[in-house]
PDB file of N, CA and C in Angstrom:
ATOM      1  N   MET A   1     -49.057  12.830  42.633  1.00  0.00           N
ATOM      2  CA  MET A   1     -48.588  13.233  41.396  1.00  0.00           C
ATOM      3  C   MET A   1     -49.276  13.742  40.224  1.00  0.00           C
ATOM      4  N   SER A   2     -48.994  15.068  39.343  1.00  0.00           N
ATOM      5  CA  SER A   2     -49.794  15.279  38.923  1.00  0.00           C
ATOM      6  C   SER A   2     -49.681  14.465  37.304  1.00  0.00           C
ATOM      7  N   GLU A   3     -50.774  14.346  36.674  1.00  0.00           N
ATOM      8  CA  GLU A   3     -50.839  13.078  35.940  1.00  0.00           C
ATOM      9  C   GLU A   3     -49.280  14.004  34.409  1.00  0.00           C
ATOM     10  N   VAL A   4     -49.294  15.545  34.443  1.00  0.00           N
ATOM     11  CA  VAL A   4     -47.730  16.035  33.616  1.00  0.00           C
ATOM     12  C   VAL A   4     -46.617  15.466  34.096  1.00  0.00           C
ATOM     13  N   LEU A   5     -46.597  15.635  35.533  1.00  0.00           N
ATOM     14  CA  LEU A   5     -45.435  14.849  35.569  1.00  0.00           C
ATOM     15  C   LEU A   5     -44.983  13.828  35.037  1.00  0.00           C
ATOM     16  N   ALA A   6     -46.198  12.908  35.425  1.00  0.00           N
ATOM     17  CA  ALA A   6     -46.401  11.492  35.486  1.00  0.00           C
ATOM     18  C   ALA A   6     -45.615  10.812  33.981  1.00  0.00           C
ATOM     19  N   LEU A   7     -46.270  11.981  33.161  1.00  0.00           N
ATOM     20  CA  LEU A   7     -45.858  11.988  31.531  1.00  0.00           C
ATOM     21  C   LEU A   7     -44.515  12.121  31.236  1.00  0.00           C
ATOM     22  N   PHE A   8     -43.649  13.465  31.865  1.00  0.00           N
ATOM     23  CA  PHE A   8     -42.772  13.638  32.189  1.00  0.00           C
ATOM     24  C   PHE A   8     -41.616  12.407  32.425  1.00  0.00           C
ATOM     25  N   GLU A   9     -42.156  12.140  33.352  1.00  0.00           N
ATOM     26  CA  GLU A   9     -41.049  10.903  34.032  1.00  0.00           C
ATOM     27  C   GLU A   9     -41.061   9.793  33.306  1.00  0.00           C
ATOM     28  N   GLU A  10     -42.438   9.236  32.604  1.00  0.00           N
ATOM     29  CA  GLU A  10     -42.309   8.446  31.932  1.00  0.00           C
ATOM     30  C   GLU A  10     -41.747   8.361  30.402  1.00  0.00           C
ATOM     31  N   HIS A  11     -41.789   9.725  30.055  1.00  0.00           N
ATOM     32  CA  HIS A  11     -40.572   9.992  28.753  1.00  0.00           C
ATOM     33  C   HIS A  11     -39.227   9.872  29.055  1.00  0.00           C
ATOM     34  N   GLU A  12     -38.785  10.342  30.438  1.00  0.00           N
ATOM     35  CA  GLU A  12     -37.546  10.522  30.687  1.00  0.00           C
ATOM     36  C   GLU A  12     -37.005   8.625  30.781  1.00  0.00           C
ATOM     37  N   ARG A  13     -37.865   8.003  31.557  1.00  0.00           N
ATOM     38  CA  ARG A  13     -37.639   6.699  31.537  1.00  0.00           C
ATOM     39  C   ARG A  13     -37.427   6.131  30.123  1.00  0.00           C
ATOM     40  N   ASN A  14     -38.436   6.137  28.974  1.00  0.00           N
ATOM     41  CA  ASN A  14     -38.545   5.741  27.333  1.00  0.00           C
ATOM     42  C   ASN A  14     -37.411   5.940  27.209  1.00  0.00           C
ATOM     43  N   SER A  15     -36.904   7.598  27.277  1.00  0.00           N
ATOM     44  CA  SER A  15     -35.696   8.022  26.604  1.00  0.00           C
ATOM     45  C   SER A  15     -34.365   7.305  26.865  1.00  0.00           C
ATOM     46  N   ARG A  16     -34.074   7.111  27.963  1.00  0.00           N
ATOM     47  CA  ARG A  16     -32.926   6.826  28.825  1.00  0.00           C
ATOM     48  C   ARG A  16     -32.950   5.056  28.149  1.00  0.00           C
ATOM     49  N   TRP A  17     -34.135   3.939  28.235  1.00  0.00           N
ATOM     50  CA  TRP A  17     -33.961   2.776  28.120  1.00  0.00           C
ATOM     51  C   TRP A  17     -33.479   2.806  26.533  1.00  0.00           C
ATOM     52  N   PHE A  18     -34.026   3.729  25.514  1.00  0.00           N
ATOM     53  CA  PHE A  18     -33.909   3.870  24.318  1.00  0.00           C
ATOM     54  C   PHE A  18     -32.336   3.909  24.115  1.00  0.00           C
ATOM     55  N   GLU A  19     -31.729   5.062  24.394  1.00  0.00           N
ATOM     56  CA  GLU A  19     -30.066   4.984  24.123  1.00  0.00           C
ATOM     57  C   GLU A  19     -29.549   4.170  25.306  1.00  0.00           C
ATOM     58  N   GLU A  20     -29.835   3.669  25.720  1.00  0.00           N
ATOM     59  CA  GLU A  20     -29.182   2.241  26.174  1.00  0.00           C
ATOM     60  C   GLU A  20     -29.358   0.831  25.426  1.00  0.00           C
ATOM     61  N   SER A  21     -30.835   0.865  24.653  1.00  0.00           N
ATOM     62  CA  SER A  21     -30.651  -0.180  24.110  1.00  0.00           C
ATOM     63  C   SER A  21     -30.426   0.316  22.309  1.00  0.00           C
ATOM     64  N   TYR A  22     -30.086   1.214  22.051  1.00  0.00           N
ATOM     65  CA  TYR A  22     -30.008   1.290  20.646  1.00  0.00           C
ATOM     66  C   TYR A  22     -29.310   0.725  20.293  1.00  0.00           C
ATOM     67  N   LYS A  23     -28.214  -0.015  20.453  1.00  0.00           N
ATOM     68  CA  LYS A  23     -27.179  -0.842  19.571  1.00  0.00           C
ATOM     69  C   LYS A  23     -28.056  -2.519  19.218  1.00  0.00           C
ATOM     70  N   ARG A  24     -28.472  -2.768  20.272  1.00  0.00           N
ATOM     71  CA  ARG A  24     -29.302  -3.891  19.734  1.00  0.00           C
ATOM     72  C   ARG A  24     -30.725  -3.544  19.076  1.00  0.00           C
ATOM     73  N   LEU A  25     -31.110  -2.280  19.203  1.00  0.00           N
ATOM     74  CA  LEU A  25     -32.811  -1.868  18.688  1.00  0.00           C
ATOM     75  C   LEU A  25     -32.143  -2.165  17.142  1.00  0.00           C
ATOM     76  N   VAL A  26     -30.877  -1.074  16.878  1.00  0.00           N
ATOM     77  CA  VAL A  26     -30.250  -0.698  15.196  1.00  0.00           C
ATOM     78  C   VAL A  26     -30.382  -2.150  14.563  1.00  0.00           C
ATOM     79  N   GLU A  27     -29.836  -2.999  15.455  1.00  0.00           N
ATOM     80  CA  GLU A  27     -29.826  -4.214  14.615  1.00  0.00           C
ATOM     81  C   GLU A  27     -31.382  -5.111  14.139  1.00  0.00           C
ATOM     82  N   LYS A  28     -32.253  -4.885  15.163  1.00  0.00           N
ATOM     83  CA  LYS A  28     -33.592  -5.083  14.217  1.00  0.00           C
ATOM     84  C   LYS A  28     -34.774  -4.000  13.618  1.00  0.00           C
ATOM     85  N   TYR A  29     -34.057  -2.604  14.206  1.00  0.00           N
ATOM     86  CA  TYR A  29     -35.149  -1.906  13.514  1.00  0.00           C
ATOM     87  C   TYR A  29     -34.468  -0.879  12.776  1.00  0.00           C
ATOM     88  N   ASP A  30     -33.753  -1.184  12.103  1.00  0.00           N
ATOM     89  CA  ASP A  30     -32.791  -0.020  11.516  1.00  0.00           C
ATOM     90  C   ASP A  30     -33.601   0.493  10.146  1.00  0.00           C
ATOM     91  N   GLY A  31     -33.562   1.528  10.096  1.00  0.00           N
ATOM     92  CA  GLY A  31     -34.684   2.514   8.997  1.00  0.00           C
ATOM     93  C   GLY A  31     -35.797   2.478   9.401  1.00  0.00           C
ATOM     94  N   MET A  32     -36.268   1.743  10.688  1.00  0.00           N
ATOM     95  CA  MET A  32     -37.553   2.307  11.041  1.00  0.00           C
ATOM     96  C   MET A  32     -37.922   3.227  11.717  1.00  0.00           C
ATOM     97  N   PHE A  33     -39.281   3.911  11.649  1.00  0.00           N
ATOM     98  CA  PHE A  33     -39.729   4.067  13.173  1.00  0.00           C
ATOM     99  C   PHE A  33     -40.207   3.180  14.433  1.00  0.00           C
ATOM    100  N   VAL A  34     -40.195   3.801  15.284  1.00  0.00           N
ATOM    101  CA  VAL A  34     -40.125   2.556  16.595  1.00  0.00           C
ATOM    102  C   VAL A  34     -41.272   3.491  17.679  1.00  0.00           C
ATOM    103  N   ALA A  35     -41.830   2.848  17.950  1.00  0.00           N
ATOM    104  CA  ALA A  35     -43.189   3.082  19.238  1.00  0.00           C
ATOM    105  C   ALA A  35     -42.493   2.905  20.617  1.00  0.00           C
ATOM    106  N   ILE A  36     -42.340   3.792  21.416  1.00  0.00           N
ATOM    107  CA  ILE A  36     -41.965   2.887  22.715  1.00  0.00           C
ATOM    108  C   ILE A  36     -43.141   3.288  23.945  1.00  0.00           C
ATOM    109  N   HIS A  37     -43.538   2.561  24.549  1.00  0.00           N
ATOM    110  CA  HIS A  37     -44.383   2.938  25.596  1.00  0.00           C
ATOM    111  C   HIS A  37     -43.431   1.570  27.102  1.00  0.00           C
ATOM    112  N   LYS A  38     -43.802   2.656  27.981  1.00  0.00           N
ATOM    113  CA  LYS A  38     -42.701   1.364  29.256  1.00  0.00           C
ATOM    114  C   LYS A  38     -41.658   0.842  29.124  1.00  0.00           C
ATOM    115  N   GLN A  39     -41.011   1.565  27.993  1.00  0.00           N
ATOM    116  CA  GLN A  39     -39.415   1.070  28.253  1.00  0.00           C
ATOM    117  C   GLN A  39     -39.623  -0.411  27.008  1.00  0.00           C
ATOM    118  N   GLU A  40     -40.701  -0.223  26.062  1.00  0.00           N
ATOM    119  CA  GLU A  40     -40.831  -1.720  25.236  1.00  0.00           C
ATOM    120  C   GLU A  40     -41.411  -1.026  24.038  1.00  0.00           C
ATOM    121  N   ILE A  41     -40.679  -1.458  22.405  1.00  0.00           N
ATOM    122  CA  ILE A  41     -41.061  -1.653  21.555  1.00  0.00           C
ATOM    123  C   ILE A  41     -42.789  -2.091  20.990  1.00  0.00           C
ATOM    124  N   VAL A  42     -43.457  -0.963  21.033  1.00  0.00           N
ATOM    125  CA  VAL A  42     -44.969  -1.586  20.809  1.00  0.00           C
ATOM    126  C   VAL A  42     -45.392  -1.996  19.324  1.00  0.00           C
ATOM    127  N   ALA A  43     -44.662  -1.049  18.872  1.00  0.00           N
ATOM    128  CA  ALA A  43     -45.192  -0.711  16.942  1.00  0.00           C
ATOM    129  C   ALA A  43     -44.124  -0.530  16.437  1.00  0.00           C
ATOM    130  N   PHE A  44     -43.707  -0.596  15.128  1.00  0.00           N
ATOM    131  CA  PHE A  44     -42.885  -0.013  14.541  1.00  0.00           C
ATOM    132  C   PHE A  44     -43.016  -0.109  12.658  1.00  0.00           C
ATOM    133  N   ASP A  45     -42.275   0.585  11.881  1.00  0.00           N
ATOM    134  CA  ASP A  45     -43.219   0.982  10.711  1.00  0.00           C
ATOM    135  C   ASP A  45     -42.151   2.168  10.198  1.00  0.00           C
ATOM    136  N   GLU A  46     -41.806   1.891   8.628  1.00  0.00           N
ATOM    137  CA  GLU A  46     -41.153   2.718   8.276  1.00  0.00           C
ATOM    138  C   GLU A  46     -41.659   3.795   8.052  1.00  0.00           C
ATOM    139  N   ASP A  47     -43.127   4.158   8.152  1.00  0.00           N
ATOM    140  CA  ASP A  47     -43.719   5.318   7.535  1.00  0.00           C
ATOM    141  C   ASP A  47     -44.302   5.508   8.531  1.00  0.00           C
ATOM    142  N   PRO A  48     -43.792   7.036   9.165  1.00  0.00           N
ATOM    143  CA  PRO A  48     -44.448   7.537  10.612  1.00  0.00           C
ATOM    144  C   PRO A  48     -46.355   7.630  10.434  1.00  0.00           C
ATOM    145  N   SER A  49     -46.838   7.850   9.350  1.00  0.00           N
ATOM    146  CA  SER A  49     -48.728   7.979   9.267  1.00  0.00           C
ATOM    147  C   SER A  49     -48.723   6.244   9.714  1.00  0.00           C
ATOM    148  N   LYS A  50     -48.439   5.501   9.431  1.00  0.00           N
ATOM    149  CA  LYS A  50     -48.844   4.293   9.263  1.00  0.00           C
ATOM    150  C   LYS A  50     -48.409   3.612  11.033  1.00  0.00           C
ATOM    151  N   LEU A  51     -47.227   3.918  11.416  1.00  0.00           N
ATOM    152  CA  LEU A  51     -46.966   3.668  13.121  1.00  0.00           C
ATOM    153  C   LEU A  51     -47.983   4.604  13.982  1.00  0.00           C
ATOM    154  N   ARG A  52     -48.212   5.558  13.437  1.00  0.00           N
ATOM    155  CA  ARG A  52     -49.551   6.373  14.027  1.00  0.00           C
ATOM    156  C   ARG A  52     -50.708   5.401  14.151  1.00  0.00           C
ATOM    157  N   GLU A  53     -51.211   5.132  12.989  1.00  0.00           N
ATOM    158  CA  GLU A  53     -52.451   4.467  13.123  1.00  0.00           C
ATOM    159  C   GLU A  53     -52.415   2.650  13.862  1.00  0.00           C
ATOM    160  N   LYS A  54     -51.359   2.484  13.711  1.00  0.00           N
ATOM    161  CA  LYS A  54     -50.647   0.894  14.879  1.00  0.00           C
ATOM    162  C   LYS A  54     -51.002   1.710  16.075  1.00  0.00           C
ATOM    163  N   ILE A  55     -50.201   2.604  16.652  1.00  0.00           N
ATOM    164  CA  ILE A  55     -50.198   2.980  17.904  1.00  0.00           C
ATOM    165  C   ILE A  55     -51.964   3.235  18.608  1.00  0.00           C
ATOM    166  N   LEU A  56     -52.290   3.761  17.412  1.00  0.00           N
ATOM    167  CA  LEU A  56     -53.799   4.036  17.899  1.00  0.00           C
ATOM    168  C   LEU A  56     -54.800   2.813  18.009  1.00  0.00           C
ATOM    169  N   ALA A  57     -54.416   1.855  16.954  1.00  0.00           N
ATOM    170  CA  ALA A  57     -55.425   0.044  17.094  1.00  0.00           C
ATOM    171  C   ALA A  57     -55.130  -0.533  18.345  1.00  0.00           C
ATOM    172  N   LYS A  58     -53.916   0.042  18.910  1.00  0.00           N
ATOM    173  CA  LYS A  58     -53.215  -0.989  20.046  1.00  0.00           C
ATOM    174  C   LYS A  58     -53.866  -0.342  21.302  1.00  0.00           C
ATOM    175  N   GLY A  59     -55.010   0.708  21.086  1.00  0.00           N
ATOM    176  CA  GLY A  59     -55.933   1.672  22.027  1.00  0.00           C
ATOM    177  C   GLY A  59     -54.785   2.327  22.836  1.00  0.00           C
ATOM    178  N   LEU A  60     -53.749   2.573  22.663  1.00  0.00           N
ATOM    179  CA  LEU A  60     -52.661   3.707  23.223  1.00  0.00           C
ATOM    180  C   LEU A  60     -52.973   5.411  23.260  1.00  0.00           C
ATOM    181  N   SER A  61     -52.744   6.087  23.730  1.00  0.00           N
ATOM    182  CA  SER A  61     -52.529   7.258  23.541  1.00  0.00           C
ATOM    183  C   SER A  61     -51.147   8.250  22.993  1.00  0.00           C
ATOM    184  N   LEU A  62     -51.144   8.662  21.766  1.00  0.00           N
ATOM    185  CA  LEU A  62     -49.920   9.458  21.572  1.00  0.00           C
ATOM    186  C   LEU A  62     -49.035  10.059  22.546  1.00  0.00           C
ATOM    187  N   MET A  63     -50.129  10.621  23.808  1.00  0.00           N
ATOM    188  CA  MET A  63     -49.284  11.219  24.578  1.00  0.00           C
ATOM    189  C   MET A  63     -48.570  10.326  25.638  1.00  0.00           C
ATOM    190  N   THR A  64     -48.819   9.505  25.611  1.00  0.00           N
ATOM    191  CA  THR A  64     -47.849   8.234  26.411  1.00  0.00           C
ATOM    192  C   THR A  64     -47.168   7.455  25.507  1.00  0.00           C
ATOM    193  N   VAL A  65     -46.642   7.558  24.281  1.00  0.00           N
ATOM    194  CA  VAL A  65     -46.056   7.135  23.092  1.00  0.00           C
ATOM    195  C   VAL A  65     -44.572   7.757  23.287  1.00  0.00           C
ATOM    196  N   MET A  66     -43.616   7.495  23.028  1.00  0.00           N
ATOM    197  CA  MET A  66     -42.419   7.806  22.390  1.00  0.00           C
ATOM    198  C   MET A  66     -42.278   7.881  21.171  1.00  0.00           C
ATOM    199  N   VAL A  67     -41.792   8.329  20.540  1.00  0.00           N
ATOM    200  CA  VAL A  67     -41.674   7.573  18.563  1.00  0.00           C
ATOM    201  C   VAL A  67     -40.089   8.645  18.274  1.00  0.00           C
ATOM    202  N   GLU A  68     -39.358   7.379  18.476  1.00  0.00           N
ATOM    203  CA  GLU A  68     -37.919   7.633  17.562  1.00  0.00           C
ATOM    204  C   GLU A  68     -37.594   6.979  16.350  1.00  0.00           C
ATOM    205  N   TYR A  69     -36.420   7.646  15.079  1.00  0.00           N
ATOM    206  CA  TYR A  69     -35.826   6.890  14.047  1.00  0.00           C
ATOM    207  C   TYR A  69     -34.991   6.251  14.590  1.00  0.00           C
ATOM    208  N   VAL A  70     -35.123   4.896  14.083  1.00  0.00           N
ATOM    209  CA  VAL A  70     -33.457   3.759  14.030  1.00  0.00           C
ATOM    210  C   VAL A  70     -32.790   3.910  13.404  1.00  0.00           C
ATOM    211  N   SER A  71     -31.456   4.237  13.167  1.00  0.00           N
ATOM    212  CA  SER A  71     -30.869   4.120  12.118  1.00  0.00           C
ATOM    213  C   SER A  71     -28.819   3.826  12.277  1.00  0.00           C
ATOM    214  N   LYS A  72     -28.899   3.291  11.187  1.00  0.00           N
ATOM    215  CA  LYS A  72     -27.105   2.730  11.890  1.00  0.00           C
ATOM    216  C   LYS A  72     -26.441   3.912  10.868  1.00  0.00           C
ATOM    217  N   LYS A  73     -27.317   4.697  10.500  1.00  0.00           N
ATOM    218  CA  LYS A  73     -26.577   5.627   9.608  1.00  0.00           C
ATOM    219  C   LYS A  73     -26.353   7.198  10.295  1.00  0.00           C
ATOM    220  N   PRO A  74     -25.618   8.042  10.596  1.00  0.00           N
ATOM    221  CA  PRO A  74     -25.869   9.433  11.240  1.00  0.00           C
ATOM    222  C   PRO A  74     -27.275  10.555  10.210  1.00  0.00           C
ATOM    223  N   LEU A  75     -28.176  10.909  10.837  1.00  0.00           N
ATOM    224  CA  LEU A  75     -29.021  11.554  10.545  1.00  0.00           C
ATOM    225  C   LEU A  75     -28.481  13.059  10.146  1.00  0.00           C
ATOM    226  N   GLU A  76     -29.057  13.279   8.710  1.00  0.00           N
ATOM    227  CA  GLU A  76     -28.659  14.875   8.618  1.00  0.00           C
ATOM    228  C   GLU A  76     -30.094  15.599   8.580  1.00  0.00           C
ATOM    229  N   PHE A  77     -30.047  16.663   9.257  1.00  0.00           N
ATOM    230  CA  PHE A  77     -30.865  17.862   9.168  1.00  0.00           C
ATOM    231  C   PHE A  77     -30.796  19.143   8.307  1.00  0.00           C
ATOM    232  N   ILE A  78     -31.812  19.723   7.883  1.00  0.00           N
ATOM    233  CA  ILE A  78     -31.716  20.485   7.000  1.00  0.00           C
ATOM    234  C   ILE A  78     -32.592  21.370   7.681  1.00  0.00           C
ATOM    235  N   LEU A  79     -32.248  22.921   8.355  1.00  0.00           N
ATOM    236  CA  LEU A  79     -33.284  23.439   8.924  1.00  0.00           C
ATOM    237  C   LEU A  79     -33.886  24.368   7.938  1.00  0.00           C
ATOM    238  N   TYR A  80     -34.844  24.568   7.924  1.00  0.00           N
ATOM    239  CA  TYR A  80     -35.488  25.753   6.619  1.00  0.00           C
ATOM    240  C   TYR A  80     -36.433  26.587   7.494  1.00  0.00           C
ATOM    241  N   TYR A  81     -36.418  27.931   7.377  1.00  0.00           N
ATOM    242  CA  TYR A  81     -37.674  28.849   7.986  1.00  0.00           C
ATOM    243  C   TYR A  81     -37.755  29.661   6.743  1.00  0.00           C
ATOM    244  N   ASP A  82     -39.032  29.824   6.623  1.00  0.00           N
ATOM    245  CA  ASP A  82     -39.648  30.743   5.625  1.00  0.00           C
ATOM    246  C   ASP A  82     -39.879  32.291   6.221  1.00  0.00           C
ATOM    247  N   TYR A  83     -39.064  32.609   5.888  1.00  0.00           N
ATOM    248  CA  TYR A  83     -39.068  34.393   6.718  1.00  0.00           C
ATOM    249  C   TYR A  83     -40.085  35.363   5.777  1.00  0.00           C
ATOM    250  N   SER A  84     -40.300  34.762   4.797  1.00  0.00           N
ATOM    251  CA  SER A  84     -41.474  35.457   4.334  1.00  0.00           C
ATOM    252  C   SER A  84     -42.542  35.640   4.888  1.00  0.00           C
ATOM    253  N   ARG A  85     -42.690  34.911   5.813  1.00  0.00           N
ATOM    254  CA  ARG A  85     -44.109  35.021   6.484  1.00  0.00           C
ATOM    255  C   ARG A  85     -44.056  36.016   7.838  1.00  0.00           C
ATOM    256  N   LEU A  86     -42.611  36.273   7.812  1.00  0.00           N
ATOM    257  CA  LEU A  86     -42.544  37.582   8.824  1.00  0.00           C
ATOM    258  C   LEU A  86     -42.464  38.785   8.299  1.00  0.00           C
ATOM    259  N   TYR A  87     -42.263  38.850   7.075  1.00  0.00           N
ATOM    260  CA  TYR A  87     -42.221  40.371   6.512  1.00  0.00           C
ATOM    261  C   TYR A  87     -43.036  40.261   4.997  1.00  0.00           C
ATOM    262  N   GLY A  88     -43.808  39.781   4.751  1.00  0.00           N
ATOM    263  CA  GLY A  88     -44.429  39.697   3.602  1.00  0.00           C
ATOM    264  C   GLY A  88     -45.978  39.194   3.387  1.00  0.00           C
TER     265      GLY A  88
END
């Protein structure tokens, strides 16, 4: 199996685990970014930059870790695109 395919399959397993575990995770990690590796939380932090440092300090590759935000509140997104980059 190719390395890329293996990464996609592991991401799929992590994603499925995250969805199935969300209710339990939100009780412990509400308002945090969590790093998931092989269906386990390996690090967490409110600050994604600090979480990145923790992941790297554990010797893990960012390619093999899935990062998600956990929150009891639904997230709202505002999408913004700077059209001036296209036209001017």
